[in-house]
């Protein structure tokens, strides 16, 4: 089994949950304190050993490409002004990994977006990281999933238990235990956004995947569904029924930054861990708690 050294980040969606902000600014550029959300995603991939990243964008998301490019003039202005720390921060963004972009001309679904990576990925296993799902920098999830795929030569998807009433927001997995491999499970079926009463379990598919290249064949055979979109869940379901898919069940460390409340939680959690922000942030939180009578 090859080492997983490439990742794909689909970033072509409209981000309608954050309108009107996302009318002109990509949702992946939502700031988490002083970095856009997609930078945290890229840094997560790099920390897990990824060297090569393909971002799937759209014609309206040039800001993502610009963010990971060099800005020589800005770097020079900062350095000349004695702001060498800031200049180095800007330079470091372009040096995170070998970053490529390709545009998805039509919104034909997540499966279609991942399928566009076939020529770039080739026959290697690769990771897929969705920009709406941000992991805490300390989370070992992606690294653990990569290890499981490299060891077993089987695609691995991230699974998280959710309240039964929320399962309709996700893909839901039917699973069986793998003896001696916990928290790894065998995925026996997948249903995209089922009604809670029809869900095979309370295990939701979260936006981290490590695929073998076989997934591309299943994407190509997946017929378009509602709205003409090719669903990645459908391709994963046929892969699971064939050579198999494993699931890595994890707890905690995940933020749905497409959800406004969870987006604010991410800012509070990460801000409270920074020495330069924590004192002021804690004063704001204390004042809010007192004012709202939440003590």
Protein backbone atom coordinates (compact mmCIF):
# COMPACT_ATOMS: atom_id res chain seq x y z
CA UNK A 1 0.00 0.00 0.00
CA UNK A 2 1.33 3.43 -0.96
CA UNK A 3 1.83 6.17 1.58
CA UNK A 4 -0.96 8.76 1.63
CA UNK A 5 0.73 11.97 0.55
CA UNK A 6 -2.02 13.80 -1.36
CA UNK A 7 -5.22 15.49 -0.23
CA UNK A 8 -8.23 16.98 -1.98
CA UNK A 9 -10.23 19.87 -0.50
CA UNK A 10 -13.57 20.48 -2.28
CA UNK A 11 -14.27 24.21 -2.00
CA UNK A 12 -16.67 25.02 -4.82
CA UNK A 13 -19.96 25.33 -2.91
CA UNK A 14 -21.93 28.55 -2.53
CA UNK A 15 -21.98 28.66 1.27
CA UNK A 16 -25.62 29.68 1.46
CA UNK A 17 -25.77 29.21 5.24
CA UNK A 18 -23.58 32.31 5.61
CA UNK A 19 -25.31 34.63 3.17
CA UNK A 20 -25.07 37.56 2.63
CA UNK A 21 -21.36 37.38 3.60
CA UNK A 22 -20.70 34.57 1.13
CA UNK A 23 -22.26 36.49 -1.77
CA UNK A 24 -18.82 37.95 -2.47
CA UNK A 25 -16.44 36.09 -0.14
CA UNK A 26 -15.90 32.30 -0.25
CA UNK A 27 -17.22 30.51 2.84
CA UNK A 28 -13.82 28.85 3.18
CA UNK A 29 -12.36 32.31 3.84
CA UNK A 30 -14.49 32.87 6.95
CA UNK A 31 -12.01 34.10 9.57
CA UNK A 32 -11.29 31.98 12.63
CA UNK A 33 -9.62 34.78 14.61
CA UNK A 34 -6.84 35.77 12.19
CA UNK A 35 -6.74 32.84 9.75
CA UNK A 36 -9.36 31.72 7.22
CA UNK A 37 -11.02 28.39 7.93
CA UNK A 38 -9.42 26.75 4.90
CA UNK A 39 -5.94 27.49 6.24
CA UNK A 40 -6.74 25.40 9.33
CA UNK A 41 -7.84 22.59 6.97
CA UNK A 42 -4.60 22.78 4.99
CA UNK A 43 -2.54 22.86 8.20
CA UNK A 44 -4.39 19.78 9.47
CA UNK A 45 -3.49 17.91 6.29
CA UNK A 46 0.16 18.97 6.50
CA UNK A 47 0.35 17.92 10.17
CA UNK A 48 -0.88 14.45 9.12
CA UNK A 49 1.97 14.08 6.63
CA UNK A 50 0.30 15.37 3.46
CA UNK A 51 2.70 17.02 1.00
CA UNK A 52 0.46 17.74 -2.01
CA UNK A 53 -2.99 19.40 -1.85
CA UNK A 54 -5.52 19.94 -4.63
CA UNK A 55 -8.26 22.48 -3.90
CA UNK A 56 -11.41 22.23 -6.03
CA UNK A 57 -12.71 25.78 -6.44
CA UNK A 58 -15.21 27.64 -8.62
CA UNK A 59 -14.96 30.72 -10.86
CA UNK A 60 -16.03 32.89 -7.91
CA UNK A 61 -13.35 31.81 -5.45
CA UNK A 62 -10.15 33.40 -6.63
CA UNK A 63 -9.57 34.65 -3.06
CA UNK A 64 -8.69 31.07 -2.03
CA UNK A 65 -6.04 30.80 -4.73
CA UNK A 66 -4.66 34.22 -3.81
CA UNK A 67 -4.42 33.33 -0.12
CA UNK A 68 -2.01 30.45 -0.74
CA UNK A 69 0.08 32.37 -3.28
CA UNK A 70 3.11 34.55 -2.56
CA UNK A 71 2.47 38.28 -1.99
CA UNK A 72 5.92 39.72 -2.59
CA UNK A 73 4.89 43.37 -2.30
CA UNK A 74 3.12 42.86 1.04
CA UNK A 75 6.02 40.79 2.39
CA UNK A 76 8.43 43.57 1.42
CA UNK A 77 6.30 46.31 2.96
CA UNK A 78 6.05 44.39 6.24
CA UNK A 79 9.78 43.63 6.34
CA UNK A 80 10.72 47.23 5.50
CA UNK A 81 8.41 48.43 8.25
CA UNK A 82 10.12 46.28 10.86
CA UNK A 83 7.24 43.79 11.00
CA UNK A 84 9.35 40.72 10.30
CA UNK A 85 7.12 38.40 12.36
CA UNK A 86 4.10 39.36 10.26
CA UNK A 87 6.16 39.08 7.06
CA UNK A 88 7.20 35.55 7.99
CA UNK A 89 3.59 34.60 8.76
CA UNK A 90 2.56 35.71 5.28
CA UNK A 91 5.50 33.91 3.62
CA UNK A 92 4.80 30.70 5.52
CA UNK A 93 1.30 30.35 4.05
CA UNK A 94 2.68 29.76 0.55
CA UNK A 95 5.20 27.25 1.91
CA UNK A 96 2.72 25.05 3.80
CA UNK A 97 2.53 22.44 1.04
CA UNK A 98 2.54 22.03 -2.72
CA UNK A 99 -0.91 23.49 -3.42
CA UNK A 100 -2.78 23.17 -6.71
CA UNK A 101 -6.23 24.38 -7.73
CA UNK A 102 -8.78 23.31 -10.32
CA UNK A 103 -12.20 24.79 -10.97
CA UNK A 104 -15.48 22.90 -10.92
CA UNK A 105 -17.32 24.77 -13.65
CA UNK A 106 -20.77 23.47 -12.67
CA UNK A 107 -22.15 22.59 -9.25
CA UNK A 108 -22.64 18.90 -9.98
CA UNK A 109 -22.18 17.58 -6.46
CA UNK A 110 -19.49 16.48 -4.06
CA UNK A 111 -18.96 13.21 -5.90
CA UNK A 112 -18.28 15.09 -9.12
CA UNK A 113 -15.86 17.43 -7.33
CA UNK A 114 -13.85 14.55 -5.87
CA UNK A 115 -13.91 12.78 -9.24
CA UNK A 116 -12.22 15.79 -10.83
CA UNK A 117 -9.10 14.94 -8.79
CA UNK A 118 -8.52 11.63 -10.59
CA UNK A 119 -5.87 12.87 -13.00
CA UNK A 120 -3.99 14.64 -10.21
CA UNK A 121 -4.19 11.78 -7.70
CA UNK A 122 -3.59 8.93 -10.11
CA UNK A 123 -3.53 5.46 -8.54
CA UNK A 124 -2.48 6.63 -5.08
CA UNK A 125 -4.58 6.63 -1.92
CA UNK A 126 -5.58 10.15 -0.91
CA UNK A 127 -7.40 12.13 1.76
CA UNK A 128 -10.48 14.31 1.26
CA UNK A 129 -11.15 17.13 3.74
CA UNK A 130 -14.38 19.13 3.58
CA UNK A 131 -14.00 22.80 4.40
CA UNK A 132 -17.17 22.96 6.54
CA UNK A 133 -15.73 20.42 8.98
CA UNK A 134 -12.82 21.89 10.90
CA UNK A 135 -10.92 19.83 13.43
CA UNK A 136 -9.16 21.17 16.50
CA UNK A 137 -5.41 21.33 15.72
CA UNK A 138 -4.72 18.76 18.44
CA UNK A 139 -7.06 16.15 16.90
CA UNK A 140 -5.29 12.99 15.65
CA UNK A 141 -8.30 11.99 13.50
CA UNK A 142 -6.83 12.39 10.03
CA UNK A 143 -3.49 10.87 11.04
CA UNK A 144 -5.31 7.86 12.55
CA UNK A 145 -7.44 7.40 9.43
CA UNK A 146 -4.39 7.55 7.17
CA UNK A 147 -2.69 4.93 9.34
CA UNK A 148 -5.73 2.65 9.09
CA UNK A 149 -5.88 2.93 5.29
CA UNK A 150 -2.16 2.35 4.85
CA UNK A 151 -2.26 -0.69 7.14
CA UNK A 152 -5.36 -2.35 5.68
CA UNK A 153 -5.42 -1.05 2.07
CA UNK A 154 -9.08 -0.11 2.58
CA UNK A 155 -10.79 3.27 2.34
CA UNK A 156 -11.58 4.83 5.72
CA UNK A 157 -14.30 7.38 6.50
CA UNK A 158 -14.83 9.42 9.67
CA UNK A 159 -17.92 8.57 11.76
CA UNK A 160 -19.32 10.45 14.75
CA UNK A 161 -22.34 9.69 16.92
CA UNK A 162 -25.03 12.36 16.70
CA UNK A 163 -28.46 12.72 18.34
CA UNK A 164 -31.02 10.65 16.47
CA UNK A 165 -33.00 13.76 15.57
CA UNK A 166 -29.94 15.23 13.82
CA UNK A 167 -29.02 12.21 11.70
CA UNK A 168 -31.09 13.53 8.77
CA UNK A 169 -28.47 16.26 8.34
CA UNK A 170 -25.77 13.73 7.47
CA UNK A 171 -25.05 10.49 5.72
CA UNK A 172 -25.74 7.59 8.11
CA UNK A 173 -23.72 4.36 8.29
CA UNK A 174 -24.64 0.79 9.08
CA UNK A 175 -21.58 -0.81 10.65
CA UNK A 176 -20.18 -3.99 12.19
CA UNK A 177 -17.30 -4.19 14.68
CA UNK A 178 -13.85 -5.35 13.59
CA UNK A 179 -12.45 -7.57 16.32
CA UNK A 180 -9.43 -6.04 18.02
CA UNK A 181 -9.48 -2.91 15.83
CA UNK A 182 -11.66 -0.47 17.83
CA UNK A 183 -12.47 2.34 17.04
CA UNK A 184 -12.32 0.99 13.47
CA UNK A 185 -15.55 -0.56 12.19
CA UNK A 186 -16.64 -2.16 8.92
CA UNK A 187 -19.17 -0.09 6.97
CA UNK A 188 -21.97 -2.30 5.62
CA UNK A 189 -24.24 0.39 4.21
CA UNK A 190 -24.66 4.15 3.79
CA UNK A 191 -27.76 6.30 3.46
CA UNK A 192 -27.62 9.99 2.54
CA UNK A 193 -29.65 12.21 4.91
CA UNK A 194 -32.25 9.62 5.98
CA UNK A 195 -35.27 10.38 8.11
CA UNK A 196 -34.39 9.70 11.74
CA UNK A 197 -36.73 6.70 11.87
CA UNK A 198 -35.09 5.21 8.77
CA UNK A 199 -31.45 5.78 9.74
CA UNK A 200 -29.41 2.57 10.09
CA UNK A 201 -27.59 4.00 13.14
CA UNK A 202 -26.71 7.21 14.95
CA UNK A 203 -23.27 7.20 13.29
CA UNK A 204 -22.98 10.18 10.96
CA UNK A 205 -20.46 10.51 8.14
CA UNK A 206 -18.25 13.53 8.86
CA UNK A 207 -16.16 15.38 6.28
CA UNK A 208 -12.91 13.41 6.52
CA UNK A 209 -12.19 10.53 4.16
CA UNK A 210 -9.12 8.56 3.14
CA UNK A 211 -9.81 6.73 -0.11
CA UNK A 212 -8.03 4.20 -2.20
CA UNK A 213 -8.04 5.18 -5.90
CA UNK A 214 -10.84 2.66 -6.48
CA UNK A 215 -13.35 5.32 -5.37
CA UNK A 216 -12.95 7.03 -8.77
CA UNK A 217 -14.41 4.03 -10.60
CA UNK A 218 -17.45 4.10 -8.33
CA UNK A 219 -17.91 7.85 -8.79
CA UNK A 220 -17.89 7.37 -12.57
CA UNK A 221 -20.60 4.70 -12.27
CA UNK A 222 -22.77 6.80 -9.94
CA UNK A 223 -25.84 8.23 -11.66
CA UNK A 224 -26.79 11.85 -10.96
CA UNK A 225 -29.48 12.26 -8.34
CA UNK A 226 -31.60 15.19 -7.20
CA UNK A 227 -30.62 18.41 -8.98
CA UNK A 228 -28.33 16.48 -11.32
CA UNK A 229 -25.72 16.10 -8.57
CA UNK A 230 -23.44 13.09 -8.15
CA UNK A 231 -23.47 12.13 -4.48
CA UNK A 232 -20.21 10.97 -2.91
CA UNK A 233 -22.27 8.92 -0.41
CA UNK A 234 -23.73 6.85 -3.26
CA UNK A 235 -20.26 6.09 -4.61
CA UNK A 236 -19.06 5.14 -1.12
CA UNK A 237 -22.07 2.83 -0.70
CA UNK A 238 -21.19 0.82 -3.81
CA UNK A 239 -17.52 0.76 -2.75
CA UNK A 240 -18.58 -0.56 0.67
CA UNK A 241 -20.66 -3.27 -0.99
CA UNK A 242 -17.68 -4.28 -3.12
CA UNK A 243 -14.12 -4.21 -1.84
CA UNK A 244 -15.20 -2.56 1.40
CA UNK A 245 -15.00 0.64 3.42
CA UNK A 246 -14.01 1.03 7.06
CA UNK A 247 -15.16 3.73 9.45
CA UNK A 248 -13.14 5.46 12.19
CA UNK A 249 -15.45 6.39 15.06
CA UNK A 250 -14.22 9.50 16.86
CA UNK A 251 -15.42 11.87 19.56
CA UNK A 252 -14.87 15.59 19.96
CA UNK A 253 -12.59 18.12 18.35
CA UNK A 254 -14.88 18.87 15.40
CA UNK A 255 -16.46 22.19 14.46
CA UNK A 256 -19.11 22.63 11.79
CA UNK A 257 -17.97 26.07 10.68
CA UNK A 258 -20.88 26.26 8.25
CA UNK A 259 -23.14 26.41 11.30
CA UNK A 260 -23.19 29.92 12.79
CA UNK A 261 -23.24 28.83 16.44
CA UNK A 262 -20.53 26.20 15.96
CA UNK A 263 -18.48 28.76 14.04
CA UNK A 264 -18.57 31.04 17.09
CA UNK A 265 -17.68 28.07 19.33
CA UNK A 266 -14.58 27.46 17.23
CA UNK A 267 -13.51 31.07 17.69
CA UNK A 268 -14.07 30.92 21.46
CA UNK A 269 -12.27 27.59 21.88
CA UNK A 270 -9.24 28.49 19.79
CA UNK A 271 -9.11 32.06 21.06
CA UNK A 272 -9.10 30.89 24.68
CA UNK A 273 -5.96 28.84 23.95
CA UNK A 274 -3.93 31.79 22.66
CA UNK A 275 -1.89 33.77 25.16
CA UNK A 276 -2.28 36.98 23.17
CA UNK A 277 -6.09 36.77 23.15
CA UNK A 278 -7.20 34.79 26.20
CA UNK A 279 -7.13 37.57 28.85
CA UNK A 280 -9.27 39.97 26.83
CA UNK A 281 -11.55 37.23 25.55
CA UNK A 282 -12.20 35.94 29.07
CA UNK A 283 -13.17 39.45 30.19
CA UNK A 284 -15.66 39.65 27.33
CA UNK A 285 -17.11 36.23 28.23
CA UNK A 286 -17.39 37.14 31.95
CA UNK A 287 -19.12 40.43 31.12
CA UNK A 288 -21.54 38.63 28.81
CA UNK A 289 -22.35 35.94 31.40
CA UNK A 290 -23.00 38.57 34.07
CA UNK A 291 -25.09 40.76 31.79
CA UNK A 292 -27.25 37.85 30.65
CA UNK A 293 -27.59 36.43 34.18
CA UNK A 294 -26.14 33.07 33.20
CA UNK A 295 -24.07 32.43 36.33
